Amino acid sequence: MKRIILSALLCATALNAQAFDCQRLGHTEGKTHEIGAELLTYTHIVLPENIMEKTQPIVGNPELWTTDTAGTHLYIKPNSSQPLGKTTSFSVVGKSGASYDFLVTRQEHLKNNCYKLADGVLFSKEHREALSQSTKTDSSDEIAMLWKEKYLQQQQEFKEEKNKAILTALRQYRYQIYTRYNWTKSGISFIGNDFISDIYDDGRFTYIRVNKQNKGLMMIEATLEGQTELIEAQYDTVSQMYTVAGIYPEFTMKYGKTSVEIERNDNDTVGEY
């Protein structure tokens, strides 16, 4: 039912495209068209022919972009504001075997979100020969196979780009880690002498890992502008980790009459705050 409703909406959009002017794009062999798209708003592309049967649009990062088709009409929109989804590749093959390739960039306040292409051309000499043979035998299986190969290649390229971005983010995060903390316990030894395992921060949050947590949750205090205040913190039972919002030169963990004084050696940080 949802698919029927969506198809009806896309068809209505296609009729509207005929009533309003779309920006014309001249198409030549091997050309990649650079177009824009707004967040959660479809950009409309009108092809000079229908999409070939048994093929689907190829999107560089389909998790962050949404596409649909209706006859000669293509639709694409970004569904996320993540940096990794700033741009994407977008390709389709026409009924004649012509390739239509786009580089779509997420933008704000677009003046135009409709494009109309002139006649396209076949996308490579090898593909033209294969497509020609497929046309002679009246079979679309080889064409579908070529399209699948191109799809898998782009999916692999996107996966490698995604993994590279993740590794870069991890390297940057490791560089932000600060570990030079000291702590001393005072009062009765209700919580034990080895209560704290380690302490570090990333410039935004302070992390306190404990060796055991069987005496109840600790209260955390800090002196802010001369006033002693409770600090917002959360405890994770799986990792046995207190997560404190912010970084502080000194603060105290308390449980009853027992307290642990924690001190940050200096104010150095390469974190975001």
C-alpha atoms as a PDB file:
ATOM      1  CA  MET A   1       0.000   0.000   0.000  1.00  0.00           C
ATOM      2  CA  LYS A   2       2.847   2.386   0.897  1.00  0.00           C
ATOM      3  CA  ARG A   3       4.542   1.576  -2.412  1.00  0.00           C
ATOM      4  CA  ILE A   4       1.349   2.414  -4.325  1.00  0.00           C
ATOM      5  CA  ILE A   5       1.006   5.739  -2.528  1.00  0.00           C
ATOM      6  CA  LEU A   6       4.673   6.601  -3.163  1.00  0.00           C
ATOM      7  CA  SER A   7       4.374   5.719  -6.853  1.00  0.00           C
ATOM      8  CA  ALA A   8       1.312   7.940  -7.123  1.00  0.00           C
ATOM      9  CA  LEU A   9       3.181  10.824  -5.512  1.00  0.00           C
ATOM     10  CA  LEU A  10       6.170  10.343  -7.829  1.00  0.00           C
ATOM     11  CA  CYS A  11       3.898  10.300 -10.862  1.00  0.00           C
ATOM     12  CA  ALA A  12       2.277  13.512  -9.665  1.00  0.00           C
ATOM     13  CA  THR A  13       5.745  15.019  -9.290  1.00  0.00           C
ATOM     14  CA  ALA A  14       6.581  13.908 -12.830  1.00  0.00           C
ATOM     15  CA  LEU A  15       3.490  15.704 -14.163  1.00  0.00           C
ATOM     16  CA  ASN A  16       4.464  18.832 -12.248  1.00  0.00           C
ATOM     17  CA  ALA A  17       7.924  18.697 -13.839  1.00  0.00           C
ATOM     18  CA  GLN A  18       6.265  19.043 -17.217  1.00  0.00           C
ATOM     19  CA  ALA A  19       4.386  22.112 -16.039  1.00  0.00           C
ATOM     20  CA  PHE A  20       7.502  23.870 -14.711  1.00  0.00           C
ATOM     21  CA  ASP A  21      10.883  24.449 -16.314  1.00  0.00           C
ATOM     22  CA  CYS A  22      13.673  22.037 -15.382  1.00  0.00           C
ATOM     23  CA  GLN A  23      17.316  22.962 -15.857  1.00  0.00           C
ATOM     24  CA  ARG A  24      18.576  21.310 -19.038  1.00  0.00           C
ATOM     25  CA  LEU A  25      21.838  19.355 -18.890  1.00  0.00           C
ATOM     26  CA  GLY A  26      23.736  18.526 -22.050  1.00  0.00           C
ATOM     27  CA  HIS A  27      24.928  14.923 -21.950  1.00  0.00           C
ATOM     28  CA  THR A  28      28.085  13.606 -23.632  1.00  0.00           C
ATOM     29  CA  GLU A  29      29.879  10.276 -23.370  1.00  0.00           C
ATOM     30  CA  GLY A  30      31.761   9.859 -20.100  1.00  0.00           C
ATOM     31  CA  LYS A  31      30.355  13.029 -18.539  1.00  0.00           C
ATOM     32  CA  THR A  32      29.404  13.094 -14.854  1.00  0.00           C
ATOM     33  CA  HIS A  33      26.769  15.696 -14.019  1.00  0.00           C
ATOM     34  CA  GLU A  34      27.243  17.602 -10.760  1.00  0.00           C
ATOM     35  CA  ILE A  35      23.896  18.468  -9.154  1.00  0.00           C
ATOM     36  CA  GLY A  36      22.594  19.428  -5.712  1.00  0.00           C
ATOM     37  CA  ALA A  37      19.981  18.055  -3.338  1.00  0.00           C
ATOM     38  CA  GLU A  38      18.459  19.380  -0.123  1.00  0.00           C
ATOM     39  CA  LEU A  39      18.099  17.351   3.072  1.00  0.00           C
ATOM     40  CA  LEU A  40      14.898  15.268   3.038  1.00  0.00           C
ATOM     41  CA  THR A  41      13.797  16.860  -0.260  1.00  0.00           C
ATOM     42  CA  TYR A  42      13.840  14.917  -3.523  1.00  0.00           C
ATOM     43  CA  THR A  43      15.869  16.217  -6.447  1.00  0.00           C
ATOM     44  CA  HIS A  44      14.106  15.285  -9.683  1.00  0.00           C
ATOM     45  CA  ILE A  45      15.990  14.160 -12.811  1.00  0.00           C
ATOM     46  CA  VAL A  46      14.246  13.587 -16.145  1.00  0.00           C
ATOM     47  CA  LEU A  47      16.001  11.171 -18.517  1.00  0.00           C
ATOM     48  CA  PRO A  48      15.470  11.044 -22.287  1.00  0.00           C
ATOM     49  CA  GLU A  49      14.437   7.380 -21.967  1.00  0.00           C
ATOM     50  CA  ASN A  50      13.215   4.790 -19.496  1.00  0.00           C
ATOM     51  CA  ILE A  51      15.605   2.897 -17.218  1.00  0.00           C
ATOM     52  CA  MET A  52      16.618  -0.504 -18.512  1.00  0.00           C
ATOM     53  CA  GLU A  53      14.646  -3.432 -17.152  1.00  0.00           C
ATOM     54  CA  LYS A  54      16.216  -5.571 -14.406  1.00  0.00           C
ATOM     55  CA  THR A  55      18.445  -2.688 -13.314  1.00  0.00           C
ATOM     56  CA  GLN A  56      18.275  -0.309 -10.391  1.00  0.00           C
ATOM     57  CA  PRO A  57      19.970   3.035  -9.669  1.00  0.00           C
ATOM     58  CA  ILE A  58      23.436   2.709  -8.161  1.00  0.00           C
ATOM     59  CA  VAL A  59      24.098   4.982  -5.177  1.00  0.00           C
ATOM     60  CA  GLY A  60      27.561   5.360  -3.669  1.00  0.00           C
ATOM     61  CA  ASN A  61      26.294   5.350  -0.060  1.00  0.00           C
ATOM     62  CA  PRO A  62      22.714   4.043  -0.063  1.00  0.00           C
ATOM     63  CA  GLU A  63      22.489   4.165   3.738  1.00  0.00           C
ATOM     64  CA  LEU A  64      22.589   7.974   3.681  1.00  0.00           C
ATOM     65  CA  TRP A  65      20.695   8.677   0.436  1.00  0.00           C
ATOM     66  CA  THR A  66      17.208   7.629  -0.713  1.00  0.00           C
ATOM     67  CA  THR A  67      16.294   7.049  -4.375  1.00  0.00           C
ATOM     68  CA  ASP A  68      13.281   6.064  -6.459  1.00  0.00           C
ATOM     69  CA  THR A  69      12.283   5.850 -10.108  1.00  0.00           C
ATOM     70  CA  ALA A  70       9.145   6.229 -12.189  1.00  0.00           C
ATOM     71  CA  GLY A  71       9.479   5.780 -15.961  1.00  0.00           C
ATOM     72  CA  THR A  72      11.959   8.361 -17.216  1.00  0.00           C
ATOM     73  CA  HIS A  73      12.085  10.089 -13.846  1.00  0.00           C
ATOM     74  CA  LEU A  74      14.730   9.681 -11.139  1.00  0.00           C
ATOM     75  CA  TYR A  75      14.491  10.924  -7.567  1.00  0.00           C
ATOM     76  CA  ILE A  76      17.248  11.247  -4.983  1.00  0.00           C
ATOM     77  CA  LYS A  77      17.500  12.934  -1.586  1.00  0.00           C
ATOM     78  CA  PRO A  78      19.909  12.901   1.368  1.00  0.00           C
ATOM     79  CA  ASN A  79      18.344  11.382   4.489  1.00  0.00           C
ATOM     80  CA  SER A  80      21.102  12.344   6.919  1.00  0.00           C
ATOM     81  CA  SER A  81      23.202  15.374   7.828  1.00  0.00           C
ATOM     82  CA  GLN A  82      26.272  13.237   8.588  1.00  0.00           C
ATOM     83  CA  PRO A  83      29.563  14.470   7.043  1.00  0.00           C
ATOM     84  CA  LEU A  84      30.055  11.103   5.312  1.00  0.00           C
ATOM     85  CA  GLY A  85      26.796  11.715   3.421  1.00  0.00           C
ATOM     86  CA  LYS A  86      27.783  15.135   2.081  1.00  0.00           C
ATOM     87  CA  THR A  87      28.166  13.774  -1.461  1.00  0.00           C
ATOM     88  CA  THR A  88      27.328  10.589  -3.307  1.00  0.00           C
ATOM     89  CA  SER A  89      27.624   9.086  -6.759  1.00  0.00           C
ATOM     90  CA  PHE A  90      24.370   8.206  -8.552  1.00  0.00           C
ATOM     91  CA  SER A  91      24.192   6.200 -11.783  1.00  0.00           C
ATOM     92  CA  VAL A  92      21.553   4.544 -13.955  1.00  0.00           C
ATOM     93  CA  VAL A  93      21.548   2.829 -17.343  1.00  0.00           C
ATOM     94  CA  GLY A  94      18.860   3.635 -19.902  1.00  0.00           C
ATOM     95  CA  LYS A  95      16.827   1.247 -21.992  1.00  0.00           C
ATOM     96  CA  SER A  96      19.174   1.827 -24.946  1.00  0.00           C
ATOM     97  CA  GLY A  97      22.244   1.040 -22.829  1.00  0.00           C
ATOM     98  CA  ALA A  98      23.144   4.691 -22.311  1.00  0.00           C
ATOM     99  CA  SER A  99      24.799   5.481 -18.982  1.00  0.00           C
ATOM    100  CA  TYR A 100      23.768   8.502 -16.903  1.00  0.00           C
ATOM    101  CA  ASP A 101      26.134   9.369 -14.067  1.00  0.00           C
ATOM    102  CA  PHE A 102      25.787  12.063 -11.399  1.00  0.00           C
ATOM    103  CA  LEU A 103      27.719  13.460  -8.466  1.00  0.00           C
ATOM    104  CA  VAL A 104      25.133  14.738  -5.994  1.00  0.00           C
ATOM    105  CA  THR A 105      26.085  17.166  -3.215  1.00  0.00           C
ATOM    106  CA  ARG A 106      23.922  17.928  -0.181  1.00  0.00           C
ATOM    107  CA  GLN A 107      23.198  21.670  -0.170  1.00  0.00           C
ATOM    108  CA  GLU A 108      20.924  24.199   1.499  1.00  0.00           C
ATOM    109  CA  HIS A 109      18.414  26.545  -0.142  1.00  0.00           C
ATOM    110  CA  LEU A 110      18.650  25.196  -3.671  1.00  0.00           C
ATOM    111  CA  LYS A 111      17.249  27.423  -6.396  1.00  0.00           C
ATOM    112  CA  ASN A 112      16.646  24.422  -8.621  1.00  0.00           C
ATOM    113  CA  ASN A 113      15.904  20.792  -7.821  1.00  0.00           C
ATOM    114  CA  CYS A 114      14.812  19.587 -11.247  1.00  0.00           C
ATOM    115  CA  TYR A 115      17.090  18.609 -14.141  1.00  0.00           C
ATOM    116  CA  LYS A 116      16.321  17.391 -17.656  1.00  0.00           C
ATOM    117  CA  LEU A 117      18.945  15.549 -19.715  1.00  0.00           C
ATOM    118  CA  ALA A 118      19.447  15.489 -23.458  1.00  0.00           C
ATOM    119  CA  ASP A 119      20.042  12.145 -25.239  1.00  0.00           C
ATOM    120  CA  GLY A 120      22.803  10.086 -23.583  1.00  0.00           C
ATOM    121  CA  VAL A 121      25.418   7.758 -25.017  1.00  0.00           C
ATOM    122  CA  LEU A 122      26.732   4.299 -24.155  1.00  0.00           C
ATOM    123  CA  PHE A 123      29.144   4.295 -21.265  1.00  0.00           C
ATOM    124  CA  SER A 124      32.135   2.302 -22.599  1.00  0.00           C
ATOM    125  CA  LYS A 125      33.361   0.471 -25.684  1.00  0.00           C
ATOM    126  CA  GLU A 126      33.324  -2.930 -23.924  1.00  0.00           C
ATOM    127  CA  HIS A 127      29.868  -2.341 -22.528  1.00  0.00           C
ATOM    128  CA  ARG A 128      28.598  -1.148 -25.924  1.00  0.00           C
ATOM    129  CA  GLU A 129      29.757  -4.406 -27.530  1.00  0.00           C
ATOM    130  CA  ALA A 130      28.168  -6.523 -24.801  1.00  0.00           C
ATOM    131  CA  LEU A 131      24.957  -4.508 -24.868  1.00  0.00           C
ATOM    132  CA  SER A 132      24.826  -4.750 -28.652  1.00  0.00           C
ATOM    133  CA  GLN A 133      25.091  -8.539 -28.506  1.00  0.00           C
ATOM    134  CA  SER A 134      22.446  -8.654 -25.795  1.00  0.00           C
ATOM    135  CA  THR A 135      20.111  -6.580 -27.945  1.00  0.00           C
ATOM    136  CA  LYS A 136      20.631  -8.908 -30.915  1.00  0.00           C
ATOM    137  CA  THR A 137      19.755 -11.971 -28.826  1.00  0.00           C
ATOM    138  CA  ASP A 138      16.825 -10.095 -27.260  1.00  0.00           C
ATOM    139  CA  SER A 139      18.172 -10.873 -23.767  1.00  0.00           C
ATOM    140  CA  SER A 140      18.771  -8.523 -20.848  1.00  0.00           C
ATOM    141  CA  ASP A 141      20.647 -11.022 -18.639  1.00  0.00           C
ATOM    142  CA  GLU A 142      24.121  -9.857 -19.763  1.00  0.00           C
ATOM    143  CA  ILE A 143      23.103  -6.233 -19.299  1.00  0.00           C
ATOM    144  CA  ALA A 144      21.861  -6.986 -15.801  1.00  0.00           C
ATOM    145  CA  MET A 145      25.176  -8.739 -15.061  1.00  0.00           C
ATOM    146  CA  LEU A 146      27.194  -5.723 -16.232  1.00  0.00           C
ATOM    147  CA  TRP A 147      25.051  -3.468 -14.106  1.00  0.00           C
ATOM    148  CA  LYS A 148      25.500  -5.753 -11.109  1.00  0.00           C
ATOM    149  CA  GLU A 149      29.293  -5.687 -11.533  1.00  0.00           C
ATOM    150  CA  LYS A 150      29.273  -1.890 -11.617  1.00  0.00           C
ATOM    151  CA  TYR A 151      27.036  -1.806  -8.543  1.00  0.00           C
ATOM    152  CA  LEU A 152      29.287  -4.164  -6.569  1.00  0.00           C
ATOM    153  CA  GLN A 153      32.366  -2.149  -7.547  1.00  0.00           C
ATOM    154  CA  GLN A 154      30.836   1.108  -6.284  1.00  0.00           C
ATOM    155  CA  GLN A 155      29.630  -0.599  -3.100  1.00  0.00           C
ATOM    156  CA  GLN A 156      33.180  -1.807  -2.428  1.00  0.00           C
ATOM    157  CA  GLU A 157      34.588   1.676  -3.036  1.00  0.00           C
ATOM    158  CA  PHE A 158      32.049   3.158  -0.613  1.00  0.00           C
ATOM    159  CA  LYS A 159      32.871   0.501   2.003  1.00  0.00           C
ATOM    160  CA  GLU A 160      36.594   1.288   1.747  1.00  0.00           C
ATOM    161  CA  GLU A 161      35.909   5.038   2.022  1.00  0.00           C
ATOM    162  CA  LYS A 162      33.691   4.439   5.055  1.00  0.00           C
ATOM    163  CA  ASN A 163      36.299   2.270   6.802  1.00  0.00           C
ATOM    164  CA  LYS A 164      38.986   4.876   6.107  1.00  0.00           C
ATOM    165  CA  ALA A 165      36.820   7.592   7.687  1.00  0.00           C
ATOM    166  CA  ILE A 166      36.229   5.404  10.772  1.00  0.00           C
ATOM    167  CA  LEU A 167      39.960   4.709  11.219  1.00  0.00           C
ATOM    168  CA  THR A 168      40.741   8.427  10.857  1.00  0.00           C
ATOM    169  CA  ALA A 169      38.155   9.269  13.524  1.00  0.00           C
ATOM    170  CA  LEU A 170      39.631   6.636  15.865  1.00  0.00           C
ATOM    171  CA  ARG A 171      43.143   8.008  15.393  1.00  0.00           C
ATOM    172  CA  GLN A 172      41.922  11.528  16.147  1.00  0.00           C
ATOM    173  CA  TYR A 173      40.089  10.312  19.248  1.00  0.00           C
ATOM    174  CA  ARG A 174      43.141   8.477  20.584  1.00  0.00           C
ATOM    175  CA  TYR A 175      45.162  11.671  20.227  1.00  0.00           C
ATOM    176  CA  GLN A 176      42.646  13.470  22.476  1.00  0.00           C
ATOM    177  CA  ILE A 177      42.960  11.007  25.380  1.00  0.00           C
ATOM    178  CA  TYR A 178      44.456  12.467  28.607  1.00  0.00           C
ATOM    179  CA  THR A 179      45.497  10.045  31.366  1.00  0.00           C
ATOM    180  CA  ARG A 180      47.591  12.047  33.860  1.00  0.00           C
ATOM    181  CA  TYR A 181      45.310  11.759  36.902  1.00  0.00           C
ATOM    182  CA  ASN A 182      46.239  11.114  40.546  1.00  0.00           C
ATOM    183  CA  TRP A 183      43.920  10.010  43.319  1.00  0.00           C
ATOM    184  CA  THR A 184      44.117   9.416  47.077  1.00  0.00           C
ATOM    185  CA  LYS A 185      41.576   7.806  49.444  1.00  0.00           C
ATOM    186  CA  SER A 186      40.703   9.111  52.889  1.00  0.00           C
ATOM    187  CA  GLY A 187      38.315   8.011  55.632  1.00  0.00           C
ATOM    188  CA  ILE A 188      37.367   4.413  56.479  1.00  0.00           C
ATOM    189  CA  SER A 189      38.288   1.675  54.011  1.00  0.00           C
ATOM    190  CA  PHE A 190      34.700   0.644  53.248  1.00  0.00           C
ATOM    191  CA  ILE A 191      35.263   0.642  49.483  1.00  0.00           C
ATOM    192  CA  GLY A 192      38.719  -0.966  49.570  1.00  0.00           C
ATOM    193  CA  ASN A 193      42.184   0.315  48.731  1.00  0.00           C
ATOM    194  CA  ASP A 194      42.069  -0.559  45.027  1.00  0.00           C
ATOM    195  CA  PHE A 195      38.643   0.862  44.256  1.00  0.00           C
ATOM    196  CA  ILE A 196      39.731   2.911  41.198  1.00  0.00           C
ATOM    197  CA  SER A 197      41.339   1.130  38.246  1.00  0.00           C
ATOM    198  CA  ASP A 198      42.136   4.101  35.980  1.00  0.00           C
ATOM    199  CA  ILE A 199      40.951   7.590  35.009  1.00  0.00           C
ATOM    200  CA  TYR A 200      41.151   9.427  31.692  1.00  0.00           C
ATOM    201  CA  ASP A 201      39.304  12.073  29.669  1.00  0.00           C
ATOM    202  CA  ASP A 202      38.827  12.983  25.997  1.00  0.00           C
ATOM    203  CA  GLY A 203      38.474  16.737  26.477  1.00  0.00           C
ATOM    204  CA  ARG A 204      34.704  16.464  26.816  1.00  0.00           C
ATOM    205  CA  PHE A 205      34.017  13.729  29.351  1.00  0.00           C
ATOM    206  CA  THR A 206      35.963  12.212  32.241  1.00  0.00           C
ATOM    207  CA  TYR A 207      35.917   8.418  32.584  1.00  0.00           C
ATOM    208  CA  ILE A 208      36.516   6.673  35.928  1.00  0.00           C
ATOM    209  CA  ARG A 209      36.844   2.889  35.802  1.00  0.00           C
ATOM    210  CA  VAL A 210      36.488   1.003  39.083  1.00  0.00           C
ATOM    211  CA  ASN A 211      37.705  -2.478  39.972  1.00  0.00           C
ATOM    212  CA  LYS A 212      34.493  -3.441  41.751  1.00  0.00           C
ATOM    213  CA  GLN A 213      31.199  -1.760  42.438  1.00  0.00           C
ATOM    214  CA  ASN A 214      29.435  -3.602  45.227  1.00  0.00           C
ATOM    215  CA  LYS A 215      29.023  -0.924  47.856  1.00  0.00           C
ATOM    216  CA  GLY A 216      26.538   1.362  46.067  1.00  0.00           C
ATOM    217  CA  LEU A 217      26.967   4.285  43.683  1.00  0.00           C
ATOM    218  CA  MET A 218      29.451   7.015  44.536  1.00  0.00           C
ATOM    219  CA  MET A 219      28.532  10.693  44.724  1.00  0.00           C
ATOM    220  CA  ILE A 220      30.845  13.034  42.785  1.00  0.00           C
ATOM    221  CA  GLU A 221      31.497  16.640  43.825  1.00  0.00           C
ATOM    222  CA  ALA A 222      33.658  19.476  42.484  1.00  0.00           C
ATOM    223  CA  THR A 223      34.347  23.057  43.493  1.00  0.00           C
ATOM    224  CA  LEU A 224      33.012  25.406  40.808  1.00  0.00           C
ATOM    225  CA  GLU A 225      33.568  29.154  41.263  1.00  0.00           C
ATOM    226  CA  GLY A 226      34.096  28.658  44.995  1.00  0.00           C
ATOM    227  CA  GLN A 227      30.956  26.538  45.475  1.00  0.00           C
ATOM    228  CA  THR A 228      30.872  22.774  46.052  1.00  0.00           C
ATOM    229  CA  GLU A 229      28.432  21.229  43.607  1.00  0.00           C
ATOM    230  CA  LEU A 230      27.352  17.758  42.585  1.00  0.00           C
ATOM    231  CA  ILE A 231      28.636  16.723  39.139  1.00  0.00           C
ATOM    232  CA  GLU A 232      26.429  14.991  36.603  1.00  0.00           C
ATOM    233  CA  ALA A 233      27.650  11.421  36.116  1.00  0.00           C
ATOM    234  CA  GLN A 234      26.368   8.093  34.828  1.00  0.00           C
ATOM    235  CA  TYR A 235      27.492   4.599  35.783  1.00  0.00           C
ATOM    236  CA  ASP A 236      27.666   1.667  33.372  1.00  0.00           C
ATOM    237  CA  THR A 237      27.452  -1.698  35.140  1.00  0.00           C
ATOM    238  CA  VAL A 238      28.934  -3.633  32.201  1.00  0.00           C
ATOM    239  CA  SER A 239      32.169  -1.634  31.889  1.00  0.00           C
ATOM    240  CA  GLN A 240      32.155  -0.591  35.589  1.00  0.00           C
ATOM    241  CA  MET A 241      32.723   2.952  34.375  1.00  0.00           C
ATOM    242  CA  TYR A 242      31.583   6.337  35.693  1.00  0.00           C
ATOM    243  CA  THR A 243      31.148   8.903  32.895  1.00  0.00           C
ATOM    244  CA  VAL A 244      31.384  12.491  34.134  1.00  0.00           C
ATOM    245  CA  ALA A 245      30.160  15.366  31.967  1.00  0.00           C
ATOM    246  CA  GLY A 246      33.096  17.779  31.551  1.00  0.00           C
ATOM    247  CA  ILE A 247      36.699  17.870  32.776  1.00  0.00           C
ATOM    248  CA  TYR A 248      37.769  19.264  36.161  1.00  0.00           C
ATOM    249  CA  PRO A 249      41.135  20.084  37.787  1.00  0.00           C
ATOM    250  CA  GLU A 250      39.944  18.477  41.048  1.00  0.00           C
ATOM    251  CA  PHE A 251      36.899  16.542  42.167  1.00  0.00           C
ATOM    252  CA  THR A 252      35.869  14.077  44.855  1.00  0.00           C
ATOM    253  CA  MET A 253      34.058  10.727  44.846  1.00  0.00           C
ATOM    254  CA  LYS A 254      32.160  10.072  48.083  1.00  0.00           C
ATOM    255  CA  TYR A 255      30.294   7.238  49.721  1.00  0.00           C
ATOM    256  CA  GLY A 256      29.300   7.832  53.348  1.00  0.00           C
ATOM    257  CA  LYS A 257      32.417   8.855  55.262  1.00  0.00           C
ATOM    258  CA  THR A 258      34.764   7.512  52.634  1.00  0.00           C
ATOM    259  CA  SER A 259      36.056   9.824  49.895  1.00  0.00           C
ATOM    260  CA  VAL A 260      38.506   9.648  46.995  1.00  0.00           C
ATOM    261  CA  GLU A 261      40.264  12.874  46.007  1.00  0.00           C
ATOM    262  CA  ILE A 262      41.043  13.044  42.291  1.00  0.00           C
ATOM    263  CA  GLU A 263      43.388  15.592  40.706  1.00  0.00           C
ATOM    264  CA  ARG A 264      44.192  16.350  37.075  1.00  0.00           C
ATOM    265  CA  ASN A 265      47.924  17.115  36.683  1.00  0.00           C
ATOM    266  CA  ASP A 266      47.487  20.102  34.344  1.00  0.00           C
ATOM    267  CA  ASN A 267      45.022  21.856  32.083  1.00  0.00           C
ATOM    268  CA  ASP A 268      46.374  20.434  28.813  1.00  0.00           C
ATOM    269  CA  THR A 269      43.731  19.083  26.458  1.00  0.00           C
ATOM    270  CA  VAL A 270      43.359  18.455  22.726  1.00  0.00           C
ATOM    271  CA  GLY A 271      39.677  17.612  23.055  1.00  0.00           C
ATOM    272  CA  GLU A 272      36.762  19.511  21.555  1.00  0.00           C
ATOM    273  CA  TYR A 273      36.063  21.637  24.624  1.00  0.00           C
END
